[in-house]
Amino acid sequence: IRSGGRTNYADSVKGRFTISRDTAKNTVYLQMNSLKPEDTAVYYCNEK
């Protein structure tokens, strides 16, 4: 998610995951729906 709110997703998660942010809480979220076994992983965030 960019500072202006624009988002992009990997094809493998498009339509299932949603990234969002709460600037006041200094927090970024990832809503993950319709999870699949291939989503199994360690998930990290970073400033990019």
All heavy atoms as atom14 arrays in JSON, in Angstrom:
{
  "sequence": "IRSGGRTNYADSVKGRFTISRDTAKNTVYLQMNSLKPEDTAVYYCNEK",
  "atom14_mask": [
    [1, 1, 1, 1, 1, 1, 1, 1, 0, 0, 0, 0, 0, 0],
    [1, 1, 1, 1, 1, 1, 1, 1, 1, 1, 1, 0, 0, 0],
    [1, 1, 1, 1, 1, 1, 0, 0, 0, 0, 0, 0, 0, 0],
    [1, 1, 1, 1, 0, 0, 0, 0, 0, 0, 0, 0, 0, 0],
    [1, 1, 1, 1, 0, 0, 0, 0, 0, 0, 0, 0, 0, 0],
    [1, 1, 1, 1, 1, 1, 1, 1, 1, 1, 1, 0, 0, 0],
    [1, 1, 1, 1, 1, 1, 1, 0, 0, 0, 0, 0, 0, 0],
    [1, 1, 1, 1, 1, 1, 1, 1, 0, 0, 0, 0, 0, 0],
    [1, 1, 1, 1, 1, 1, 1, 1, 1, 1, 1, 1, 0, 0],
    [1, 1, 1, 1, 1, 0, 0, 0, 0, 0, 0, 0, 0, 0],
    [1, 1, 1, 1, 1, 1, 1, 1, 0, 0, 0, 0, 0, 0],
    [1, 1, 1, 1, 1, 1, 0, 0, 0, 0, 0, 0, 0, 0],
    [1, 1, 1, 1, 1, 1, 1, 0, 0, 0, 0, 0, 0, 0],
    [1, 1, 1, 1, 1, 1, 1, 1, 1, 0, 0, 0, 0, 0],
    [1, 1, 1, 1, 0, 0, 0, 0, 0, 0, 0, 0, 0, 0],
    [1, 1, 1, 1, 1, 1, 1, 1, 1, 1, 1, 0, 0, 0],
    [1, 1, 1, 1, 1, 1, 1, 1, 1, 1, 1, 0, 0, 0],
    [1, 1, 1, 1, 1, 1, 1, 0, 0, 0, 0, 0, 0, 0],
    [1, 1, 1, 1, 1, 1, 1, 1, 0, 0, 0, 0, 0, 0],
    [1, 1, 1, 1, 1, 1, 0, 0, 0, 0, 0, 0, 0, 0],
    [1, 1, 1, 1, 1, 1, 1, 1, 1, 1, 1, 0, 0, 0],
    [1, 1, 1, 1, 1, 1, 1, 1, 0, 0, 0, 0, 0, 0],
    [1, 1, 1, 1, 1, 1, 1, 0, 0, 0, 0, 0, 0, 0],
    [1, 1, 1, 1, 1, 0, 0, 0, 0, 0, 0, 0, 0, 0],
    [1, 1, 1, 1, 1, 1, 1, 1, 1, 0, 0, 0, 0, 0],
    [1, 1, 1, 1, 1, 1, 1, 1, 0, 0, 0, 0, 0, 0],
    [1, 1, 1, 1, 1, 1, 1, 0, 0, 0, 0, 0, 0, 0],
    [1, 1, 1, 1, 1, 1, 1, 0, 0, 0, 0, 0, 0, 0],
    [1, 1, 1, 1, 1, 1, 1, 1, 1, 1, 1, 1, 0, 0],
    [1, 1, 1, 1, 1, 1, 1, 1, 0, 0, 0, 0, 0, 0],
    [1, 1, 1, 1, 1, 1, 1, 1, 1, 0, 0, 0, 0, 0],
    [1, 1, 1, 1, 1, 1, 1, 1, 0, 0, 0, 0, 0, 0],
    [1, 1, 1, 1, 1, 1, 1, 1, 0, 0, 0, 0, 0, 0],
    [1, 1, 1, 1, 1, 1, 0, 0, 0, 0, 0, 0, 0, 0],
    [1, 1, 1, 1, 1, 1, 1, 1, 0, 0, 0, 0, 0, 0],
    [1, 1, 1, 1, 1, 1, 1, 1, 1, 0, 0, 0, 0, 0],
    [1, 1, 1, 1, 1, 1, 1, 0, 0, 0, 0, 0, 0, 0],
    [1, 1, 1, 1, 1, 1, 1, 1, 1, 0, 0, 0, 0, 0],
    [1, 1, 1, 1, 1, 1, 1, 1, 0, 0, 0, 0, 0, 0],
    [1, 1, 1, 1, 1, 1, 1, 0, 0, 0, 0, 0, 0, 0],
    [1, 1, 1, 1, 1, 0, 0, 0, 0, 0, 0, 0, 0, 0],
    [1, 1, 1, 1, 1, 1, 1, 0, 0, 0, 0, 0, 0, 0],
    [1, 1, 1, 1, 1, 1, 1, 1, 1, 1, 1, 1, 0, 0],
    [1, 1, 1, 1, 1, 1, 1, 1, 1, 1, 1, 1, 0, 0],
    [1, 1, 1, 1, 1, 1, 0, 0, 0, 0, 0, 0, 0, 0],
    [1, 1, 1, 1, 1, 1, 1, 1, 0, 0, 0, 0, 0, 0],
    [1, 1, 1, 1, 1, 1, 1, 1, 1, 0, 0, 0, 0, 0],
    [1, 1, 1, 1, 1, 1, 1, 1, 1, 0, 0, 0, 0, 0]
  ],
  "atom14_positions": [
    [[0.85, -1.18, 0.0], [0.0, 0.0, 0.0], [0.89, 1.23, 0.0], [1.83, 1.33, 0.79], [-0.99, -0.01, 1.19], [-1.94, 1.19, 1.12], [-0.25, -0.07, 2.53], [-3.13, 1.06, 2.06], [0.0, 0.0, 0.0], [0.0, 0.0, 0.0], [0.0, 0.0, 0.0], [0.0, 0.0, 0.0], [0.0, 0.0, 0.0], [0.0, 0.0, 0.0]],
    [[0.61, 2.15, -0.89], [1.37, 3.38, -1.01], [0.81, 4.44, -0.08], [-0.29, 4.31, 0.46], [1.39, 3.87, -2.45], [2.09, 2.94, -3.41], [2.13, 3.48, -4.82], [2.95, 4.7, -4.9], [3.25, 5.34, -6.03], [2.79, 4.88, -7.19], [3.98, 6.43, -6.0], [0.0, 0.0, 0.0], [0.0, 0.0, 0.0], [0.0, 0.0, 0.0]],
    [[1.56, 5.52, 0.09], [1.15, 6.58, 0.99], [-0.18, 7.2, 0.56], [-0.95, 7.66, 1.4], [2.23, 7.66, 1.07], [2.5, 8.23, -0.2], [0.0, 0.0, 0.0], [0.0, 0.0, 0.0], [0.0, 0.0, 0.0], [0.0, 0.0, 0.0], [0.0, 0.0, 0.0], [0.0, 0.0, 0.0], [0.0, 0.0, 0.0], [0.0, 0.0, 0.0]],
    [[-0.45, 7.21, -0.74], [-1.69, 7.74, -1.25], [-2.85, 6.77, -1.21], [-3.96, 7.12, -1.6], [0.0, 0.0, 0.0], [0.0, 0.0, 0.0], [0.0, 0.0, 0.0], [0.0, 0.0, 0.0], [0.0, 0.0, 0.0], [0.0, 0.0, 0.0], [0.0, 0.0, 0.0], [0.0, 0.0, 0.0], [0.0, 0.0, 0.0], [0.0, 0.0, 0.0]],
    [[-2.6, 5.55, -0.74], [-3.65, 4.57, -0.59], [-3.75, 3.54, -1.71], [-4.53, 2.59, -1.59], [0.0, 0.0, 0.0], [0.0, 0.0, 0.0], [0.0, 0.0, 0.0], [0.0, 0.0, 0.0], [0.0, 0.0, 0.0], [0.0, 0.0, 0.0], [0.0, 0.0, 0.0], [0.0, 0.0, 0.0], [0.0, 0.0, 0.0], [0.0, 0.0, 0.0]],
    [[-3.0, 3.72, -2.77], [-3.03, 2.74, -3.85], [-2.43, 1.42, -3.4], [-1.45, 1.39, -2.66], [-2.28, 3.28, -5.07], [-3.04, 4.39, -5.8], [-2.19, 5.02, -6.89], [-1.1, 5.81, -6.34], [-0.23, 6.5, -7.08], [-0.32, 6.48, -8.4], [0.72, 7.2, -6.49], [0.0, 0.0, 0.0], [0.0, 0.0, 0.0], [0.0, 0.0, 0.0]],
    [[-3.01, 0.34, -3.85], [-2.59, -0.99, -3.43], [-2.25, -1.86, -4.62], [-2.69, -1.62, -5.75], [-3.69, -1.69, -2.61], [-4.88, -1.8, -3.4], [-4.01, -0.89, -1.35], [0.0, 0.0, 0.0], [0.0, 0.0, 0.0], [0.0, 0.0, 0.0], [0.0, 0.0, 0.0], [0.0, 0.0, 0.0], [0.0, 0.0, 0.0], [0.0, 0.0, 0.0]],
    [[-1.46, -2.89, -4.36], [-1.22, -3.92, -5.35], [-1.05, -5.25, -4.62], [-0.66, -5.29, -3.45], [-0.04, -3.61, -6.26], [1.28, -3.55, -5.53], [1.69, -2.51, -5.02], [1.98, -4.68, -5.48], [0.0, 0.0, 0.0], [0.0, 0.0, 0.0], [0.0, 0.0, 0.0], [0.0, 0.0, 0.0], [0.0, 0.0, 0.0], [0.0, 0.0, 0.0]],
    [[-1.33, -6.33, -5.35], [-1.33, -7.66, -4.77], [-0.68, -8.65, -5.72], [-0.76, -8.51, -6.94], [-2.76, -8.13, -4.48], [-3.51, -7.25, -3.52], [-4.28, -6.19, -3.98], [-3.45, -7.47, -2.16], [-4.97, -5.37, -3.1], [-4.13, -6.67, -1.27], [-4.89, -5.61, -1.75], [-5.57, -4.8, -0.87], [0.0, 0.0, 0.0], [0.0, 0.0, 0.0]],
    [[-0.06, -9.65, -5.14], [0.38, -10.77, -5.94], [-0.83, -11.49, -6.52], [-1.9, -11.55, -5.9], [1.22, -11.74, -5.09], [0.0, 0.0, 0.0], [0.0, 0.0, 0.0], [0.0, 0.0, 0.0], [0.0, 0.0, 0.0], [0.0, 0.0, 0.0], [0.0, 0.0, 0.0], [0.0, 0.0, 0.0], [0.0, 0.0, 0.0], [0.0, 0.0, 0.0]],
    [[-0.66, -12.04, -7.7], [-1.77, -12.73, -8.35], [-2.33, -13.86, -7.48], [-3.53, -14.13, -7.5], [-1.34, -13.29, -9.7], [-1.14, -12.21, -10.74], [-1.65, -11.09, -10.57], [-0.47, -12.49, -11.76], [0.0, 0.0, 0.0], [0.0, 0.0, 0.0], [0.0, 0.0, 0.0], [0.0, 0.0, 0.0], [0.0, 0.0, 0.0], [0.0, 0.0, 0.0]],
    [[-1.46, -14.49, -6.71], [-1.88, -15.63, -5.91], [-2.84, -15.27, -4.78], [-3.55, -16.14, -4.27], [-0.65, -16.34, -5.32], [0.1, -15.45, -4.52], [0.0, 0.0, 0.0], [0.0, 0.0, 0.0], [0.0, 0.0, 0.0], [0.0, 0.0, 0.0], [0.0, 0.0, 0.0], [0.0, 0.0, 0.0], [0.0, 0.0, 0.0], [0.0, 0.0, 0.0]],
    [[-2.88, -14.0, -4.39], [-3.73, -13.58, -3.28], [-4.79, -12.57, -3.69], [-5.65, -12.22, -2.87], [-2.91, -13.0, -2.1], [-1.8, -13.96, -1.7], [-2.33, -11.64, -2.45], [0.0, 0.0, 0.0], [0.0, 0.0, 0.0], [0.0, 0.0, 0.0], [0.0, 0.0, 0.0], [0.0, 0.0, 0.0], [0.0, 0.0, 0.0], [0.0, 0.0, 0.0]],
    [[-4.76, -12.13, -4.92], [-5.69, -11.11, -5.39], [-7.13, -11.6, -5.24], [-7.46, -12.72, -5.63], [-5.38, -10.75, -6.84], [-6.03, -9.47, -7.32], [-5.47, -9.07, -8.7], [-3.99, -8.77, -8.62], [-3.43, -8.35, -9.95], [0.0, 0.0, 0.0], [0.0, 0.0, 0.0], [0.0, 0.0, 0.0], [0.0, 0.0, 0.0], [0.0, 0.0, 0.0]],
    [[-7.95, -10.75, -4.68], [-9.34, -11.1, -4.44], [-9.59, -11.76, -3.11], [-10.75, -11.91, -2.71], [0.0, 0.0, 0.0], [0.0, 0.0, 0.0], [0.0, 0.0, 0.0], [0.0, 0.0, 0.0], [0.0, 0.0, 0.0], [0.0, 0.0, 0.0], [0.0, 0.0, 0.0], [0.0, 0.0, 0.0], [0.0, 0.0, 0.0], [0.0, 0.0, 0.0]],
    [[-8.53, -12.17, -2.42], [-8.67, -12.83, -1.13], [-8.07, -12.02, 0.02], [-8.58, -12.07, 1.13], [-8.01, -14.21, -1.16], [-8.6, -15.16, -2.2], [-8.03, -16.57, -2.07], [-6.59, -16.59, -2.31], [-5.69, -16.98, -1.4], [-6.08, -17.37, -0.2], [-4.4, -16.98, -1.71], [0.0, 0.0, 0.0], [0.0, 0.0, 0.0], [0.0, 0.0, 0.0]],
    [[-6.99, -11.3, -0.25], [-6.3, -10.52, 0.77], [-6.55, -9.03, 0.54], [-6.67, -8.58, -0.61], [-4.79, -10.75, 0.72], [-4.33, -12.12, 1.15], [-5.22, -13.16, 1.38], [-2.98, -12.37, 1.31], [-4.79, -14.42, 1.77], [-2.52, -13.62, 1.7], [-3.43, -14.65, 1.93], [0.0, 0.0, 0.0], [0.0, 0.0, 0.0], [0.0, 0.0, 0.0]],
    [[-6.59, -8.28, 1.63], [-6.75, -6.84, 1.56], [-5.77, -6.18, 2.52], [-5.76, -6.49, 3.72], [-8.18, -6.4, 1.92], [-9.12, -7.04, 1.06], [-8.32, -4.89, 1.77], [0.0, 0.0, 0.0], [0.0, 0.0, 0.0], [0.0, 0.0, 0.0], [0.0, 0.0, 0.0], [0.0, 0.0, 0.0], [0.0, 0.0, 0.0], [0.0, 0.0, 0.0]],
    [[-4.95, -5.27, 2.01], [-4.03, -4.52, 2.84], [-4.66, -3.17, 3.16], [-5.31, -2.55, 2.32], [-2.65, -4.36, 2.15], [-1.63, -3.73, 3.11], [-2.76, -3.58, 0.85], [-0.2, -3.76, 2.58], [0.0, 0.0, 0.0], [0.0, 0.0, 0.0], [0.0, 0.0, 0.0], [0.0, 0.0, 0.0], [0.0, 0.0, 0.0], [0.0, 0.0, 0.0]],
    [[-4.47, -2.72, 4.38], [-4.99, -1.43, 4.81], [-4.06, -0.84, 5.86], [-3.13, -1.5, 6.32], [-6.41, -1.56, 5.35], [-6.45, -2.41, 6.49], [0.0, 0.0, 0.0], [0.0, 0.0, 0.0], [0.0, 0.0, 0.0], [0.0, 0.0, 0.0], [0.0, 0.0, 0.0], [0.0, 0.0, 0.0], [0.0, 0.0, 0.0], [0.0, 0.0, 0.0]],
    [[-4.32, 0.39, 6.22], [-3.47, 1.06, 7.2], [-4.29, 1.95, 8.1], [-5.38, 2.41, 7.74], [-2.38, 1.88, 6.5], [-2.94, 3.05, 5.71], [-1.88, 3.73, 4.89], [-2.44, 4.86, 4.15], [-1.84, 5.47, 3.16], [-0.64, 5.08, 2.76], [-2.43, 6.49, 2.55], [0.0, 0.0, 0.0], [0.0, 0.0, 0.0], [0.0, 0.0, 0.0]],
    [[-3.77, 2.18, 9.3], [-4.35, 3.11, 10.25], [-3.21, 4.01, 10.68], [-2.4, 3.64, 11.52], [-4.96, 2.38, 11.44], [-5.72, 3.3, 12.38], [-5.38, 4.5, 12.46], [-6.65, 2.83, 13.04], [0.0, 0.0, 0.0], [0.0, 0.0, 0.0], [0.0, 0.0, 0.0], [0.0, 0.0, 0.0], [0.0, 0.0, 0.0], [0.0, 0.0, 0.0]],
    [[-3.14, 5.18, 10.08], [-2.03, 6.08, 10.32], [-1.95, 6.5, 11.79], [-0.87, 6.59, 12.36], [-2.14, 7.31, 9.42], [-2.19, 6.9, 8.05], [-0.95, 8.24, 9.62], [0.0, 0.0, 0.0], [0.0, 0.0, 0.0], [0.0, 0.0, 0.0], [0.0, 0.0, 0.0], [0.0, 0.0, 0.0], [0.0, 0.0, 0.0], [0.0, 0.0, 0.0]],
    [[-3.1, 6.75, 12.41], [-3.13, 7.18, 13.8], [-2.53, 6.14, 14.73], [-1.91, 6.48, 15.73], [-4.55, 7.51, 14.22], [0.0, 0.0, 0.0], [0.0, 0.0, 0.0], [0.0, 0.0, 0.0], [0.0, 0.0, 0.0], [0.0, 0.0, 0.0], [0.0, 0.0, 0.0], [0.0, 0.0, 0.0], [0.0, 0.0, 0.0], [0.0, 0.0, 0.0]],
    [[-2.71, 4.87, 14.41], [-2.17, 3.79, 15.22], [-0.82, 3.3, 14.72], [-0.24, 2.4, 15.32], [-3.15, 2.62, 15.25], [-4.46, 2.92, 15.94], [-5.36, 1.69, 15.97], [-6.66, 1.97, 16.7], [-7.54, 0.78, 16.72], [0.0, 0.0, 0.0], [0.0, 0.0, 0.0], [0.0, 0.0, 0.0], [0.0, 0.0, 0.0], [0.0, 0.0, 0.0]],
    [[-0.33, 3.89, 13.64], [0.94, 3.5, 13.05], [0.98, 2.0, 12.76], [1.97, 1.31, 13.02], [2.11, 3.89, 13.97], [3.35, 4.28, 13.22], [3.3, 4.72, 12.07], [4.5, 4.13, 13.86], [0.0, 0.0, 0.0], [0.0, 0.0, 0.0], [0.0, 0.0, 0.0], [0.0, 0.0, 0.0], [0.0, 0.0, 0.0], [0.0, 0.0, 0.0]],
    [[-0.11, 1.51, 12.2], [-0.31, 0.08, 12.01], [-0.79, -0.21, 10.6], [-1.59, 0.54, 10.04], [-1.33, -0.46, 13.02], [-0.85, -0.21, 14.36], [-1.52, -1.96, 12.86], [0.0, 0.0, 0.0], [0.0, 0.0, 0.0], [0.0, 0.0, 0.0], [0.0, 0.0, 0.0], [0.0, 0.0, 0.0], [0.0, 0.0, 0.0], [0.0, 0.0, 0.0]],
    [[-0.29, -1.29, 10.04], [-0.73, -1.8, 8.74], [-1.35, -3.18, 8.97], [-0.84, -3.97, 9.77], [0.44, -1.87, 7.75], [-0.03, -2.38, 6.4], [1.1, -0.51, 7.61], [0.0, 0.0, 0.0], [0.0, 0.0, 0.0], [0.0, 0.0, 0.0], [0.0, 0.0, 0.0], [0.0, 0.0, 0.0], [0.0, 0.0, 0.0], [0.0, 0.0, 0.0]],
    [[-2.41, -3.46, 8.25], [-3.14, -4.71, 8.42], [-3.14, -5.5, 7.12], [-3.02, -4.97, 6.03], [-4.59, -4.43, 8.82], [-4.74, -3.61, 10.08], [-4.94, -2.24, 10.01], [-4.68, -4.21, 11.33], [-5.08, -1.48, 11.16], [-4.81, -3.47, 12.48], [-5.02, -2.1, 12.4], [-5.15, -1.36, 13.54], [0.0, 0.0, 0.0], [0.0, 0.0, 0.0]],
    [[-3.32, -6.8, 7.28], [-3.56, -7.67, 6.14], [-4.73, -8.58, 6.49], [-4.6, -9.48, 7.33], [-2.32, -8.51, 5.8], [-2.44, -9.36, 4.54], [-2.52, -8.48, 3.29], [-1.28, -10.34, 4.42], [0.0, 0.0, 0.0], [0.0, 0.0, 0.0], [0.0, 0.0, 0.0], [0.0, 0.0, 0.0], [0.0, 0.0, 0.0], [0.0, 0.0, 0.0]],
    [[-5.87, -8.31, 5.87], [-7.03, -9.17, 6.03], [-6.91, -10.31, 5.04], [-6.8, -10.08, 3.83], [-8.31, -8.38, 5.79], [-9.59, -9.21, 5.9], [-9.84, -9.71, 7.3], [-9.74, -8.95, 8.25], [-10.16, -11.0, 7.42], [0.0, 0.0, 0.0], [0.0, 0.0, 0.0], [0.0, 0.0, 0.0], [0.0, 0.0, 0.0], [0.0, 0.0, 0.0]],
    [[-6.94, -11.52, 5.54], [-6.73, -12.71, 4.73], [-7.99, -13.57, 4.79], [-8.34, -14.09, 5.85], [-5.53, -13.51, 5.25], [-4.28, -12.66, 5.45], [-3.01, -13.49, 6.44], [-2.55, -14.82, 5.34], [0.0, 0.0, 0.0], [0.0, 0.0, 0.0], [0.0, 0.0, 0.0], [0.0, 0.0, 0.0], [0.0, 0.0, 0.0], [0.0, 0.0, 0.0]],
    [[-8.66, -13.69, 3.67], [-9.88, -14.48, 3.58], [-9.67, -15.66, 2.64], [-8.74, -15.67, 1.83], [-11.04, -13.62, 3.07], [-11.39, -12.48, 3.98], [-11.25, -12.57, 5.2], [-11.86, -11.38, 3.39], [0.0, 0.0, 0.0], [0.0, 0.0, 0.0], [0.0, 0.0, 0.0], [0.0, 0.0, 0.0], [0.0, 0.0, 0.0], [0.0, 0.0, 0.0]],
    [[-10.56, -16.63, 2.73], [-10.52, -17.81, 1.87], [-9.13, -18.42, 1.84], [-8.59, -18.72, 0.77], [-10.99, -17.44, 0.45], [-12.29, -16.92, 0.47], [0.0, 0.0, 0.0], [0.0, 0.0, 0.0], [0.0, 0.0, 0.0], [0.0, 0.0, 0.0], [0.0, 0.0, 0.0], [0.0, 0.0, 0.0], [0.0, 0.0, 0.0], [0.0, 0.0, 0.0]],
    [[-8.57, -18.61, 3.0], [-7.19, -19.09, 3.1], [-7.05, -20.49, 2.53], [-7.95, -21.33, 2.66], [-6.72, -19.04, 4.54], [-6.35, -17.64, 5.04], [-6.32, -17.59, 6.55], [-5.0, -17.22, 4.46], [0.0, 0.0, 0.0], [0.0, 0.0, 0.0], [0.0, 0.0, 0.0], [0.0, 0.0, 0.0], [0.0, 0.0, 0.0], [0.0, 0.0, 0.0]],
    [[-5.91, -20.72, 1.92], [-5.56, -21.99, 1.3], [-4.32, -22.56, 1.97], [-3.5, -21.8, 2.5], [-5.3, -21.8, -0.19], [-6.44, -21.17, -0.97], [-6.04, -20.91, -2.41], [-7.16, -20.29, -3.19], [-6.76, -20.02, -4.6], [0.0, 0.0, 0.0], [0.0, 0.0, 0.0], [0.0, 0.0, 0.0], [0.0, 0.0, 0.0], [0.0, 0.0, 0.0]],
    [[-4.12, -23.87, 1.91], [-2.9, -24.43, 2.49], [-1.63, -23.81, 1.93], [-0.64, -23.68, 2.67], [-3.01, -25.92, 2.13], [-4.47, -26.17, 2.07], [-5.06, -24.92, 1.48], [0.0, 0.0, 0.0], [0.0, 0.0, 0.0], [0.0, 0.0, 0.0], [0.0, 0.0, 0.0], [0.0, 0.0, 0.0], [0.0, 0.0, 0.0], [0.0, 0.0, 0.0]],
    [[-1.63, -23.41, 0.67], [-0.45, -22.8, 0.08], [-0.16, -21.4, 0.61], [0.89, -20.83, 0.3], [-0.54, -22.77, -1.45], [-1.84, -22.19, -1.98], [-2.86, -23.25, -2.34], [-3.04, -24.21, -1.56], [-3.47, -23.13, -3.43], [0.0, 0.0, 0.0], [0.0, 0.0, 0.0], [0.0, 0.0, 0.0], [0.0, 0.0, 0.0], [0.0, 0.0, 0.0]],
    [[-1.06, -20.84, 1.41], [-0.79, -19.58, 2.08], [0.06, -19.77, 3.34], [0.47, -18.77, 3.95], [-2.1, -18.88, 2.47], [-2.92, -18.47, 1.26], [-2.35, -17.99, 0.27], [-4.16, -18.63, 1.32], [0.0, 0.0, 0.0], [0.0, 0.0, 0.0], [0.0, 0.0, 0.0], [0.0, 0.0, 0.0], [0.0, 0.0, 0.0], [0.0, 0.0, 0.0]],
    [[0.3, -20.99, 3.73], [1.09, -21.27, 4.92], [2.49, -20.7, 4.77], [3.2, -21.01, 3.81], [1.16, -22.77, 5.19], [-0.16, -23.26, 5.48], [2.08, -23.09, 6.36], [0.0, 0.0, 0.0], [0.0, 0.0, 0.0], [0.0, 0.0, 0.0], [0.0, 0.0, 0.0], [0.0, 0.0, 0.0], [0.0, 0.0, 0.0], [0.0, 0.0, 0.0]],
    [[2.89, -19.85, 5.7], [4.18, -19.17, 5.63], [4.34, -18.32, 6.88], [3.41, -18.13, 7.65], [4.26, -18.29, 4.38], [0.0, 0.0, 0.0], [0.0, 0.0, 0.0], [0.0, 0.0, 0.0], [0.0, 0.0, 0.0], [0.0, 0.0, 0.0], [0.0, 0.0, 0.0], [0.0, 0.0, 0.0], [0.0, 0.0, 0.0], [0.0, 0.0, 0.0]],
    [[5.55, -17.8, 7.05], [5.78, -16.73, 8.01], [5.57, -15.41, 7.28], [6.14, -15.18, 6.21], [7.19, -16.79, 8.61], [7.4, -15.64, 9.58], [7.41, -18.13, 9.32], [0.0, 0.0, 0.0], [0.0, 0.0, 0.0], [0.0, 0.0, 0.0], [0.0, 0.0, 0.0], [0.0, 0.0, 0.0], [0.0, 0.0, 0.0], [0.0, 0.0, 0.0]],
    [[4.75, -14.56, 7.84], [4.4, -13.3, 7.23], [5.14, -12.15, 7.9], [5.18, -12.07, 9.13], [2.89, -13.06, 7.29], [2.13, -13.89, 6.28], [1.99, -15.26, 6.45], [1.56, -13.29, 5.15], [1.32, -16.02, 5.51], [0.89, -14.05, 4.22], [0.76, -15.42, 4.4], [0.08, -16.17, 3.47], [0.0, 0.0, 0.0], [0.0, 0.0, 0.0]],
    [[5.69, -11.27, 7.09], [6.47, -10.13, 7.55], [5.93, -8.86, 6.92], [5.36, -8.88, 5.83], [7.93, -10.25, 7.14], [8.64, -11.5, 7.57], [8.59, -12.66, 6.8], [9.39, -11.53, 8.75], [9.26, -13.81, 7.19], [10.05, -12.67, 9.14], [9.99, -13.81, 8.35], [10.66, -14.94, 8.73], [0.0, 0.0, 0.0], [0.0, 0.0, 0.0]],
    [[6.15, -7.74, 7.59], [5.89, -6.45, 6.99], [7.19, -5.67, 6.89], [8.17, -5.98, 7.56], [4.85, -5.65, 7.78], [5.32, -5.25, 9.48], [0.0, 0.0, 0.0], [0.0, 0.0, 0.0], [0.0, 0.0, 0.0], [0.0, 0.0, 0.0], [0.0, 0.0, 0.0], [0.0, 0.0, 0.0], [0.0, 0.0, 0.0], [0.0, 0.0, 0.0]],
    [[7.2, -4.69, 6.01], [8.36, -3.82, 5.9], [7.98, -2.56, 5.15], [7.0, -2.53, 4.4], [9.52, -4.51, 5.19], [10.87, -4.09, 5.73], [11.08, -2.91, 6.04], [11.79, -5.04, 5.86], [0.0, 0.0, 0.0], [0.0, 0.0, 0.0], [0.0, 0.0, 0.0], [0.0, 0.0, 0.0], [0.0, 0.0, 0.0], [0.0, 0.0, 0.0]],
    [[8.76, -1.53, 5.39], [8.68, -0.29, 4.66], [9.45, -0.48, 3.36], [10.59, -0.95, 3.39], [9.28, 0.83, 5.51], [9.16, 2.22, 4.95], [9.8, 3.25, 5.87], [10.51, 2.86, 6.82], [9.59, 4.46, 5.65], [0.0, 0.0, 0.0], [0.0, 0.0, 0.0], [0.0, 0.0, 0.0], [0.0, 0.0, 0.0], [0.0, 0.0, 0.0]],
    [[8.85, -0.16, 2.24], [9.47, -0.43, 0.95], [9.37, 0.75, 0.01], [8.51, 1.63, 0.17], [8.85, -1.67, 0.3], [7.46, -1.46, -0.23], [6.92, -2.71, -0.91], [7.74, -3.12, -2.12], [7.62, -2.16, -3.25], [0.0, 0.0, 0.0], [0.0, 0.0, 0.0], [0.0, 0.0, 0.0], [0.0, 0.0, 0.0], [0.0, 0.0, 0.0]]
  ]
}
